[in-house]
N, C-alpha and C. Protein backbone atom coordinates (compact mmCIF):
# COMPACT_ATOMS: atom_id res chain seq x y z
N MET A 1 11.87 35.57 12.70
CA MET A 1 10.73 34.49 11.94
C MET A 1 10.19 35.20 10.63
N ILE A 2 9.84 36.52 10.64
CA ILE A 2 9.56 36.83 9.16
C ILE A 2 10.64 36.73 8.41
N VAL A 3 11.86 37.20 8.65
CA VAL A 3 12.90 37.26 7.91
C VAL A 3 13.18 35.61 7.34
N GLN A 4 12.88 34.74 8.12
CA GLN A 4 13.22 33.33 7.86
C GLN A 4 12.05 33.03 6.83
N GLY A 5 10.69 33.38 6.99
CA GLY A 5 9.90 33.15 5.94
C GLY A 5 10.06 33.82 4.60
N LEU A 6 10.56 35.04 4.41
CA LEU A 6 10.80 35.83 3.51
C LEU A 6 12.16 34.94 2.73
N ARG A 7 12.93 34.54 3.27
CA ARG A 7 14.41 34.03 2.79
C ARG A 7 13.81 32.55 2.17
N VAL A 8 12.81 31.72 2.61
CA VAL A 8 12.36 30.43 2.23
C VAL A 8 11.44 30.91 0.92
N THR A 9 10.48 31.80 1.04
CA THR A 9 9.90 32.51 -0.21
C THR A 9 10.71 33.00 -1.40
N SER A 10 11.49 33.70 -1.03
CA SER A 10 12.31 34.35 -2.15
C SER A 10 13.42 33.15 -2.89
N ARG A 11 13.58 32.13 -1.98
CA ARG A 11 14.45 31.12 -2.57
C ARG A 11 13.63 30.49 -3.42
N HIS A 12 12.43 30.02 -3.41
CA HIS A 12 11.41 29.41 -4.03
C HIS A 12 11.05 30.11 -5.40
N PHE A 13 10.69 31.17 -5.16
CA PHE A 13 10.37 32.25 -6.17
C PHE A 13 11.58 32.31 -7.21
N PHE A 14 13.06 32.55 -6.73
CA PHE A 14 14.04 32.51 -7.85
C PHE A 14 14.41 31.38 -8.55
N ARG A 15 14.29 30.43 -7.69
CA ARG A 15 14.55 28.89 -8.32
C ARG A 15 13.36 28.74 -9.44
N ASN A 16 12.03 28.88 -9.18
CA ASN A 16 11.34 28.87 -10.11
C ASN A 16 11.22 29.70 -11.28
N LEU A 17 11.72 30.99 -11.03
CA LEU A 17 11.92 31.81 -11.85
C LEU A 17 12.98 31.60 -12.81
N ARG A 18 13.94 30.96 -12.46
CA ARG A 18 15.24 30.62 -13.28
C ARG A 18 14.80 29.35 -14.00
N GLY A 19 13.99 28.36 -13.42
CA GLY A 19 13.78 27.29 -14.26
C GLY A 19 12.71 27.65 -15.26
N PHE A 20 11.75 28.68 -14.93
CA PHE A 20 10.90 29.23 -16.19
C PHE A 20 11.45 29.79 -17.28
N VAL A 21 12.47 30.76 -16.97
CA VAL A 21 13.49 31.44 -18.02
C VAL A 21 14.21 30.41 -18.88
N THR A 22 14.73 29.47 -18.27
CA THR A 22 15.82 28.57 -19.03
C THR A 22 14.93 27.34 -19.50
N GLY A 23 13.77 27.07 -18.98
CA GLY A 23 12.86 25.89 -19.58
C GLY A 23 13.65 24.60 -19.08
N ARG A 24 14.43 24.50 -17.88
CA ARG A 24 15.07 23.20 -17.50
C ARG A 24 14.23 22.90 -16.14
N ASN A 25 14.10 21.58 -16.08
CA ASN A 25 13.27 21.00 -14.93
C ASN A 25 11.80 21.52 -14.97
N ARG A 26 11.31 21.57 -16.24
CA ARG A 26 9.84 21.76 -16.18
C ARG A 26 8.94 20.66 -16.32
N THR A 27 8.10 20.44 -15.61
CA THR A 27 7.19 19.28 -15.88
C THR A 27 5.69 19.70 -16.20
N ASP A 28 4.88 19.11 -16.91
CA ASP A 28 3.53 19.78 -17.09
C ASP A 28 2.75 19.30 -15.84
N PHE A 29 2.06 20.28 -15.38
CA PHE A 29 1.17 19.85 -14.44
C PHE A 29 -0.25 19.69 -14.79
N VAL A 30 -0.70 20.23 -16.11
CA VAL A 30 -2.24 20.07 -16.53
C VAL A 30 -1.82 18.84 -17.69
N VAL A 31 -3.00 18.02 -17.46
CA VAL A 31 -3.41 16.93 -18.49
C VAL A 31 -4.42 17.27 -19.22
N GLN A 32 -4.41 17.27 -20.55
CA GLN A 32 -5.57 17.56 -21.30
C GLN A 32 -6.37 16.34 -21.31
N TYR A 33 -7.43 16.62 -20.67
CA TYR A 33 -8.36 15.51 -20.06
C TYR A 33 -9.04 14.55 -20.98
N PRO A 34 -9.70 14.94 -22.07
CA PRO A 34 -10.21 13.83 -22.88
C PRO A 34 -9.39 13.37 -23.68
N GLU A 35 -8.34 13.83 -24.04
CA GLU A 35 -7.24 13.44 -24.95
C GLU A 35 -6.29 12.53 -24.15
N GLU A 36 -5.94 13.05 -23.02
CA GLU A 36 -5.04 12.17 -22.02
C GLU A 36 -5.91 11.67 -20.81
N ARG A 37 -5.26 10.48 -20.31
CA ARG A 37 -5.92 10.00 -19.07
C ARG A 37 -5.02 9.68 -18.14
N VAL A 38 -5.21 9.90 -16.87
CA VAL A 38 -4.33 9.76 -15.75
C VAL A 38 -4.46 8.24 -15.42
N ASP A 39 -3.57 7.48 -15.20
CA ASP A 39 -3.65 6.11 -14.51
C ASP A 39 -3.62 6.42 -12.93
N TYR A 40 -4.89 6.07 -12.55
CA TYR A 40 -5.07 6.09 -11.12
C TYR A 40 -4.51 5.06 -10.23
N PRO A 41 -4.12 5.26 -9.16
CA PRO A 41 -3.50 4.29 -8.20
C PRO A 41 -4.32 3.14 -7.98
N ASP A 42 -3.59 2.20 -7.52
CA ASP A 42 -4.57 0.94 -7.07
C ASP A 42 -5.54 1.31 -5.84
N ALA A 43 -5.16 2.18 -5.02
CA ALA A 43 -6.10 2.34 -3.93
C ALA A 43 -7.28 3.49 -4.32
N PHE A 44 -7.24 4.02 -5.66
CA PHE A 44 -8.06 4.77 -5.87
C PHE A 44 -9.60 4.28 -5.75
N ARG A 45 -10.55 5.18 -5.32
CA ARG A 45 -11.89 4.33 -5.19
C ARG A 45 -13.00 5.09 -6.17
N GLY A 46 -13.42 4.49 -6.97
CA GLY A 46 -14.28 4.98 -8.09
C GLY A 46 -15.79 4.39 -7.84
N MET A 47 -16.65 4.46 -8.76
CA MET A 47 -17.89 4.17 -8.57
C MET A 47 -17.94 2.46 -8.03
N PRO A 48 -18.90 2.25 -7.09
CA PRO A 48 -19.00 0.85 -6.60
C PRO A 48 -19.57 0.09 -7.52
N VAL A 49 -19.27 -1.12 -7.82
CA VAL A 49 -19.95 -1.84 -8.95
C VAL A 49 -19.91 -3.36 -8.40
N LEU A 50 -20.64 -4.38 -9.10
CA LEU A 50 -21.14 -5.61 -8.48
C LEU A 50 -20.11 -6.55 -9.43
N VAL A 51 -19.52 -7.36 -8.78
CA VAL A 51 -18.62 -8.45 -9.69
C VAL A 51 -19.70 -9.43 -10.28
N GLN A 52 -19.59 -9.75 -11.31
CA GLN A 52 -20.20 -10.79 -12.12
C GLN A 52 -19.27 -11.91 -12.24
N LEU A 53 -20.15 -13.10 -12.30
CA LEU A 53 -19.27 -14.50 -12.45
C LEU A 53 -19.21 -14.45 -13.70
N ASP A 54 -18.34 -15.58 -14.29
CA ASP A 54 -18.33 -16.03 -15.48
C ASP A 54 -19.63 -16.56 -16.09
N ASN A 55 -20.61 -17.26 -15.39
CA ASN A 55 -22.23 -17.49 -15.65
C ASN A 55 -22.81 -16.70 -15.92
N GLY A 56 -22.51 -15.26 -15.52
CA GLY A 56 -23.41 -13.97 -15.58
C GLY A 56 -23.97 -13.55 -14.30
N GLU A 57 -24.09 -14.41 -13.45
CA GLU A 57 -24.66 -14.04 -12.16
C GLU A 57 -23.94 -13.14 -11.23
N PRO A 58 -24.37 -12.38 -10.53
CA PRO A 58 -23.70 -11.68 -9.42
C PRO A 58 -22.96 -12.52 -8.23
N LYS A 59 -21.78 -12.01 -8.05
CA LYS A 59 -21.28 -12.88 -6.89
C LYS A 59 -21.88 -12.86 -5.54
N CYS A 60 -22.80 -11.64 -5.51
CA CYS A 60 -23.41 -11.16 -4.30
C CYS A 60 -24.46 -12.18 -3.68
N VAL A 61 -24.37 -12.46 -2.50
CA VAL A 61 -25.00 -13.40 -1.88
C VAL A 61 -26.31 -12.69 -0.97
N ALA A 62 -26.30 -11.47 -1.10
CA ALA A 62 -27.37 -10.79 -0.45
C ALA A 62 -27.52 -10.89 0.94
N CYS A 63 -26.43 -10.83 1.66
CA CYS A 63 -26.25 -10.69 3.07
C CYS A 63 -26.44 -9.55 3.77
N GLY A 64 -26.50 -8.36 2.86
CA GLY A 64 -27.02 -7.00 3.48
C GLY A 64 -25.63 -6.20 4.11
N LEU A 65 -24.44 -6.84 4.43
CA LEU A 65 -23.78 -5.90 5.02
C LEU A 65 -23.34 -5.04 4.75
N CYS A 66 -23.30 -4.66 3.39
CA CYS A 66 -22.70 -3.40 2.52
C CYS A 66 -24.01 -2.38 2.74
N GLU A 67 -25.20 -2.79 2.87
CA GLU A 67 -26.08 -1.84 3.02
C GLU A 67 -26.20 -1.30 4.47
N PHE A 68 -26.00 -2.18 5.35
CA PHE A 68 -25.84 -1.86 6.78
C PHE A 68 -24.58 -0.87 7.09
N ALA A 69 -23.51 -1.05 6.44
CA ALA A 69 -22.21 -0.48 6.60
C ALA A 69 -22.24 1.05 5.88
N CYS A 70 -23.02 1.10 5.12
CA CYS A 70 -23.07 2.39 4.16
C CYS A 70 -23.74 3.41 5.03
N PRO A 71 -22.69 4.60 5.39
CA PRO A 71 -23.13 5.59 6.18
C PRO A 71 -24.34 6.71 5.72
N THR A 72 -24.59 6.29 4.41
CA THR A 72 -25.23 7.38 3.52
C THR A 72 -26.57 6.76 3.10
N ASP A 73 -26.51 5.45 3.41
CA ASP A 73 -27.81 4.60 3.04
C ASP A 73 -28.20 4.74 1.46
N CYS A 74 -27.05 4.51 0.81
CA CYS A 74 -27.25 4.57 -0.68
C CYS A 74 -27.49 3.31 -1.35
N VAL A 75 -27.13 2.14 -0.72
CA VAL A 75 -27.49 0.84 -1.09
C VAL A 75 -28.69 0.28 -0.75
N SER A 76 -29.08 -0.34 -1.53
CA SER A 76 -30.47 -0.98 -1.16
C SER A 76 -30.40 -2.25 -1.79
N ILE A 77 -30.95 -3.61 -1.30
CA ILE A 77 -30.62 -4.94 -1.36
C ILE A 77 -32.40 -5.43 -1.13
N VAL A 78 -32.58 -6.09 -2.04
CA VAL A 78 -33.80 -7.15 -1.83
C VAL A 78 -33.54 -8.44 -2.18
N PRO A 79 -33.37 -9.29 -0.89
CA PRO A 79 -32.89 -10.64 -1.04
C PRO A 79 -33.78 -11.59 -1.73
N GLY A 80 -33.35 -12.72 -2.46
CA GLY A 80 -34.38 -13.77 -3.13
C GLY A 80 -33.68 -15.11 -2.34
N GLU A 81 -34.62 -15.84 -2.35
CA GLU A 81 -34.32 -17.37 -1.89
C GLU A 81 -34.12 -18.27 -2.93
N LEU A 82 -33.10 -18.97 -2.83
CA LEU A 82 -32.73 -20.31 -4.04
C LEU A 82 -33.06 -21.55 -3.31
N GLU A 83 -33.56 -22.41 -4.10
CA GLU A 83 -33.65 -23.82 -3.71
C GLU A 83 -32.73 -24.69 -4.41
N GLY A 84 -32.10 -25.50 -3.67
CA GLY A 84 -31.12 -26.60 -4.33
C GLY A 84 -29.74 -25.85 -5.06
N SER A 85 -29.24 -24.95 -4.57
CA SER A 85 -28.16 -24.27 -4.88
C SER A 85 -27.06 -24.26 -3.99
N ARG A 86 -25.79 -23.52 -4.52
CA ARG A 86 -24.58 -23.78 -3.54
C ARG A 86 -25.12 -22.57 -2.60
N ILE A 87 -25.53 -21.63 -3.11
CA ILE A 87 -25.91 -20.54 -2.03
C ILE A 87 -27.33 -20.38 -1.95
N GLU A 88 -27.85 -19.73 -0.76
CA GLU A 88 -29.12 -19.90 -0.20
C GLU A 88 -29.84 -18.61 -0.80
N ARG A 89 -29.20 -17.43 -0.99
CA ARG A 89 -29.90 -15.99 -1.39
C ARG A 89 -28.98 -15.54 -2.44
N TYR A 90 -29.82 -14.75 -3.10
CA TYR A 90 -29.43 -13.90 -4.11
C TYR A 90 -29.95 -12.49 -4.18
N PRO A 91 -29.35 -11.41 -4.76
CA PRO A 91 -29.93 -10.08 -4.68
C PRO A 91 -30.82 -10.17 -6.03
N GLU A 92 -32.49 -10.13 -5.46
CA GLU A 92 -33.33 -9.93 -6.72
C GLU A 92 -33.34 -8.39 -6.98
N ALA A 93 -33.02 -7.54 -6.25
CA ALA A 93 -32.85 -6.08 -6.60
C ALA A 93 -31.78 -5.67 -5.93
N PHE A 94 -30.84 -5.08 -6.57
CA PHE A 94 -29.55 -4.29 -5.87
C PHE A 94 -29.35 -2.99 -6.53
N ASP A 95 -29.64 -2.08 -5.58
CA ASP A 95 -29.69 -0.56 -6.23
C ASP A 95 -28.78 0.23 -5.50
N ILE A 96 -27.94 1.36 -6.06
CA ILE A 96 -27.19 2.12 -5.51
C ILE A 96 -27.29 3.75 -5.99
N ASP A 97 -27.59 4.56 -5.28
CA ASP A 97 -27.95 5.66 -5.45
C ASP A 97 -26.76 6.53 -5.39
N LEU A 98 -26.11 6.76 -6.53
CA LEU A 98 -24.85 7.59 -6.46
C LEU A 98 -24.84 9.21 -6.19
N SER A 99 -26.16 9.60 -6.09
CA SER A 99 -26.08 11.15 -5.87
C SER A 99 -25.89 11.26 -4.13
N ARG A 100 -26.22 9.95 -3.60
CA ARG A 100 -25.75 10.16 -2.03
C ARG A 100 -24.65 9.39 -1.81
N CYS A 101 -23.92 8.48 -2.59
CA CYS A 101 -22.78 7.74 -2.38
C CYS A 101 -21.36 8.83 -2.20
N MET A 102 -20.57 8.53 -1.08
CA MET A 102 -19.45 9.50 -0.92
C MET A 102 -18.38 8.67 -1.24
N PHE A 103 -18.40 7.48 -1.99
CA PHE A 103 -17.13 6.74 -2.22
C PHE A 103 -16.20 6.39 -1.07
N CYS A 104 -16.69 5.98 -0.11
CA CYS A 104 -15.97 5.81 0.99
C CYS A 104 -15.29 4.45 1.11
N GLY A 105 -15.97 3.39 0.44
CA GLY A 105 -15.41 2.01 0.31
C GLY A 105 -15.81 1.22 1.48
N LEU A 106 -16.75 1.70 2.31
CA LEU A 106 -17.00 0.73 3.48
C LEU A 106 -17.91 -0.26 2.92
N CYS A 107 -18.55 -0.47 1.94
CA CYS A 107 -19.60 -1.30 1.36
C CYS A 107 -18.58 -2.44 0.98
N GLU A 108 -17.48 -2.09 0.48
CA GLU A 108 -16.48 -2.74 -0.15
C GLU A 108 -15.63 -3.53 1.07
N GLU A 109 -15.42 -2.94 1.90
CA GLU A 109 -14.59 -3.62 3.28
C GLU A 109 -15.56 -4.50 3.81
N ALA A 110 -16.77 -4.03 4.08
CA ALA A 110 -17.94 -5.17 4.74
C ALA A 110 -18.27 -6.54 3.95
N CYS A 111 -18.03 -6.45 2.72
CA CYS A 111 -18.69 -7.40 1.70
C CYS A 111 -17.89 -8.73 2.02
N PRO A 112 -18.11 -10.03 2.51
CA PRO A 112 -17.37 -10.95 2.78
C PRO A 112 -16.89 -11.73 1.54
N GLU A 113 -17.89 -11.60 0.47
CA GLU A 113 -17.62 -12.34 -0.82
C GLU A 113 -16.90 -11.61 -1.81
N GLU A 114 -16.34 -10.47 -1.48
CA GLU A 114 -15.67 -9.61 -2.62
C GLU A 114 -16.50 -9.45 -3.55
N ALA A 115 -17.75 -9.24 -3.44
CA ALA A 115 -18.84 -8.89 -4.32
C ALA A 115 -18.93 -7.42 -4.95
N ILE A 116 -18.60 -6.49 -4.16
CA ILE A 116 -18.90 -5.10 -4.35
C ILE A 116 -17.47 -4.74 -4.29
N VAL A 117 -17.10 -3.99 -5.03
CA VAL A 117 -15.80 -3.28 -5.20
C VAL A 117 -15.83 -1.88 -5.94
N MET A 118 -14.94 -1.13 -5.49
CA MET A 118 -14.81 0.26 -6.09
C MET A 118 -14.14 0.23 -7.36
N SER A 119 -14.68 0.63 -8.53
CA SER A 119 -14.03 0.48 -9.80
C SER A 119 -13.10 1.83 -9.95
N ARG A 120 -12.76 1.96 -11.23
CA ARG A 120 -12.04 3.18 -11.65
C ARG A 120 -12.85 4.04 -12.40
N GLU A 121 -14.01 3.74 -12.36
CA GLU A 121 -15.11 4.86 -13.19
C GLU A 121 -15.42 6.15 -12.40
N VAL A 122 -15.15 7.13 -13.15
CA VAL A 122 -15.10 8.61 -12.43
C VAL A 122 -16.11 9.50 -13.33
N GLU A 123 -16.33 9.11 -14.68
CA GLU A 123 -17.12 9.95 -15.37
C GLU A 123 -18.38 9.75 -15.21
N LEU A 124 -19.30 10.39 -14.00
CA LEU A 124 -20.40 10.26 -13.48
C LEU A 124 -21.24 11.53 -13.70
N ALA A 125 -20.85 12.68 -14.56
CA ALA A 125 -21.58 14.06 -14.56
C ALA A 125 -22.76 13.60 -15.32
N THR A 126 -23.84 14.26 -14.67
CA THR A 126 -25.12 14.26 -15.46
C THR A 126 -25.93 15.35 -14.93
N TYR A 127 -27.02 15.96 -15.79
CA TYR A 127 -27.78 16.90 -15.52
C TYR A 127 -28.95 16.66 -14.66
N ASP A 128 -29.35 15.31 -14.54
CA ASP A 128 -30.53 14.92 -13.89
C ASP A 128 -30.15 13.87 -12.82
N ARG A 129 -30.77 14.25 -11.55
CA ARG A 129 -30.36 13.33 -10.54
C ARG A 129 -30.94 11.79 -10.80
N PRO A 130 -32.17 11.61 -11.25
CA PRO A 130 -32.44 9.98 -11.53
C PRO A 130 -31.65 9.24 -12.04
N SER A 131 -30.97 9.84 -13.06
CA SER A 131 -29.94 8.99 -13.70
C SER A 131 -28.77 8.34 -13.06
N LEU A 132 -28.69 9.03 -11.76
CA LEU A 132 -27.56 8.33 -10.83
C LEU A 132 -28.06 7.19 -9.94
N ASN A 133 -29.14 6.76 -10.11
CA ASN A 133 -29.76 5.58 -9.55
C ASN A 133 -29.58 4.37 -10.29
N PHE A 134 -28.55 3.45 -10.04
CA PHE A 134 -27.96 2.37 -10.77
C PHE A 134 -28.65 1.04 -10.18
N GLU A 135 -29.36 0.50 -11.14
CA GLU A 135 -29.71 -0.84 -10.79
C GLU A 135 -28.80 -2.04 -10.96
N LYS A 136 -29.25 -3.23 -10.69
CA LYS A 136 -28.06 -4.35 -10.45
C LYS A 136 -27.80 -4.75 -11.87
N GLU A 137 -28.60 -4.68 -13.15
CA GLU A 137 -27.97 -5.02 -14.31
C GLU A 137 -26.87 -3.98 -14.84
N GLN A 138 -27.02 -2.52 -14.35
CA GLN A 138 -26.33 -1.48 -14.72
C GLN A 138 -24.74 -1.78 -13.85
N LEU A 139 -24.86 -2.17 -12.74
CA LEU A 139 -23.79 -2.24 -11.82
C LEU A 139 -22.85 -3.67 -12.04
N LEU A 140 -23.20 -4.45 -12.79
CA LEU A 140 -22.35 -5.82 -13.08
C LEU A 140 -21.38 -5.48 -13.94
N VAL A 141 -20.00 -5.96 -13.59
CA VAL A 141 -19.06 -5.85 -14.27
C VAL A 141 -18.16 -7.20 -14.03
N PRO A 142 -17.73 -7.76 -15.30
CA PRO A 142 -17.15 -9.09 -15.30
C PRO A 142 -15.92 -9.18 -14.41
N GLU A 143 -15.75 -10.02 -13.74
CA GLU A 143 -14.76 -10.40 -12.72
C GLU A 143 -13.34 -10.06 -13.30
N ASN A 144 -13.10 -10.54 -14.51
CA ASN A 144 -11.70 -10.13 -15.22
C ASN A 144 -11.57 -8.70 -15.45
N LEU A 145 -12.45 -8.12 -15.71
CA LEU A 145 -11.89 -6.73 -15.67
C LEU A 145 -11.87 -5.87 -14.57
N LEU A 146 -11.99 -6.44 -13.26
CA LEU A 146 -11.79 -5.97 -11.95
C LEU A 146 -10.49 -6.55 -11.23
N LYS A 147 -9.75 -7.18 -12.04
CA LYS A 147 -8.77 -8.17 -11.47
C LYS A 147 -7.84 -7.23 -10.66
N ARG A 148 -7.33 -6.20 -11.48
CA ARG A 148 -6.42 -5.38 -10.64
C ARG A 148 -6.86 -4.62 -9.26
N ARG A 149 -8.05 -4.40 -9.21
CA ARG A 149 -8.60 -4.03 -7.75
C ARG A 149 -8.86 -5.17 -6.70
N LEU A 150 -9.37 -6.30 -7.40
CA LEU A 150 -9.49 -7.24 -6.44
C LEU A 150 -8.11 -8.14 -5.79
N ASP A 151 -7.05 -7.83 -6.76
CA ASP A 151 -5.68 -8.16 -6.22
C ASP A 151 -5.04 -7.16 -5.35
N PHE A 152 -5.60 -6.04 -5.48
CA PHE A 152 -5.22 -4.87 -4.33
C PHE A 152 -5.74 -5.42 -3.19
N LEU A 153 -7.07 -5.46 -3.18
CA LEU A 153 -7.94 -5.69 -1.77
C LEU A 153 -7.18 -6.99 -1.18
N ARG A 154 -6.96 -7.94 -1.98
CA ARG A 154 -6.27 -9.21 -1.22
C ARG A 154 -5.03 -8.93 -0.51
N GLY A 155 -4.42 -8.28 -1.44
CA GLY A 155 -2.87 -7.68 -0.81
C GLY A 155 -3.05 -6.98 0.50
N GLU A 156 -4.09 -5.93 0.70
CA GLU A 156 -4.41 -5.13 1.77
C GLU A 156 -4.78 -6.11 2.62
N TYR A 157 -5.78 -7.02 2.36
CA TYR A 157 -6.31 -7.82 3.44
C TYR A 157 -5.13 -8.67 4.20
N ASP A 158 -4.00 -9.38 3.37
CA ASP A 158 -3.03 -10.21 3.63
C ASP A 158 -2.00 -9.21 4.83
N ARG A 159 -2.05 -7.95 4.29
CA ARG A 159 -0.85 -7.09 4.97
C ARG A 159 -1.71 -6.98 6.40
N GLU A 160 -3.05 -6.50 6.51
CA GLU A 160 -3.51 -6.20 7.79
C GLU A 160 -3.56 -7.52 8.74
N HIS A 161 -3.67 -8.69 7.99
CA HIS A 161 -3.83 -9.93 9.06
C HIS A 161 -2.77 -10.90 9.03
N GLU A 162 -1.64 -10.19 8.57
CA GLU A 162 -0.34 -11.02 8.91
C GLU A 162 0.12 -11.21 10.33
N ARG A 163 0.57 -12.10 10.96
CA ARG A 163 0.91 -12.20 12.14
C ARG A 163 2.29 -11.69 12.30
N PRO A 164 2.49 -10.88 13.46
CA PRO A 164 4.00 -10.70 13.59
C PRO A 164 4.99 -11.99 13.95
N GLU A 165 6.09 -12.16 13.83
CA GLU A 165 6.65 -13.10 14.35
C GLU A 165 7.13 -13.09 15.52
N ARG A 166 7.14 -14.05 16.26
CA ARG A 166 7.27 -14.08 17.57
C ARG A 166 8.84 -14.07 17.91
N LYS A 167 9.11 -13.39 18.99
CA LYS A 167 10.73 -13.33 19.39
C LYS A 167 10.88 -14.44 20.67
N GLU A 168 11.72 -15.24 20.42
CA GLU A 168 12.07 -16.13 21.28
C GLU A 168 13.16 -15.69 22.31
């Protein structure tokens, strides 16, 4: 058992040593961050944001499902009533405390309107905690900028809910 482990370790060691000396098969593992950016996969979950419609209003109907689904209670919604509109409710206030958010994506899954999605925003570092409280106006992102994520979510939904074909 020990001999087998030593054999595997030494094989990797000498293969890497040979590649290091000859310079073959070397790839960079380090990305020079501010100058180079990594393209995140479609399933990447960054900062949660609200989808903004073309008329400037949020897509959210203030149902409260994202608030209920959040395990850390970082989402807070104050619903307002609309008279004579297609939707009955809208969010008067929609706050997310990113100091508590764990970027799990449960709010995104719970939303029936695809109004809250996880963006690709990762640069959230700050020295003061109150600056991590985002209000509705700060969270609004136009729908066309979130197209890639929305297409991914729709594809995931279709894969989860496709019916298996019957065998006759």
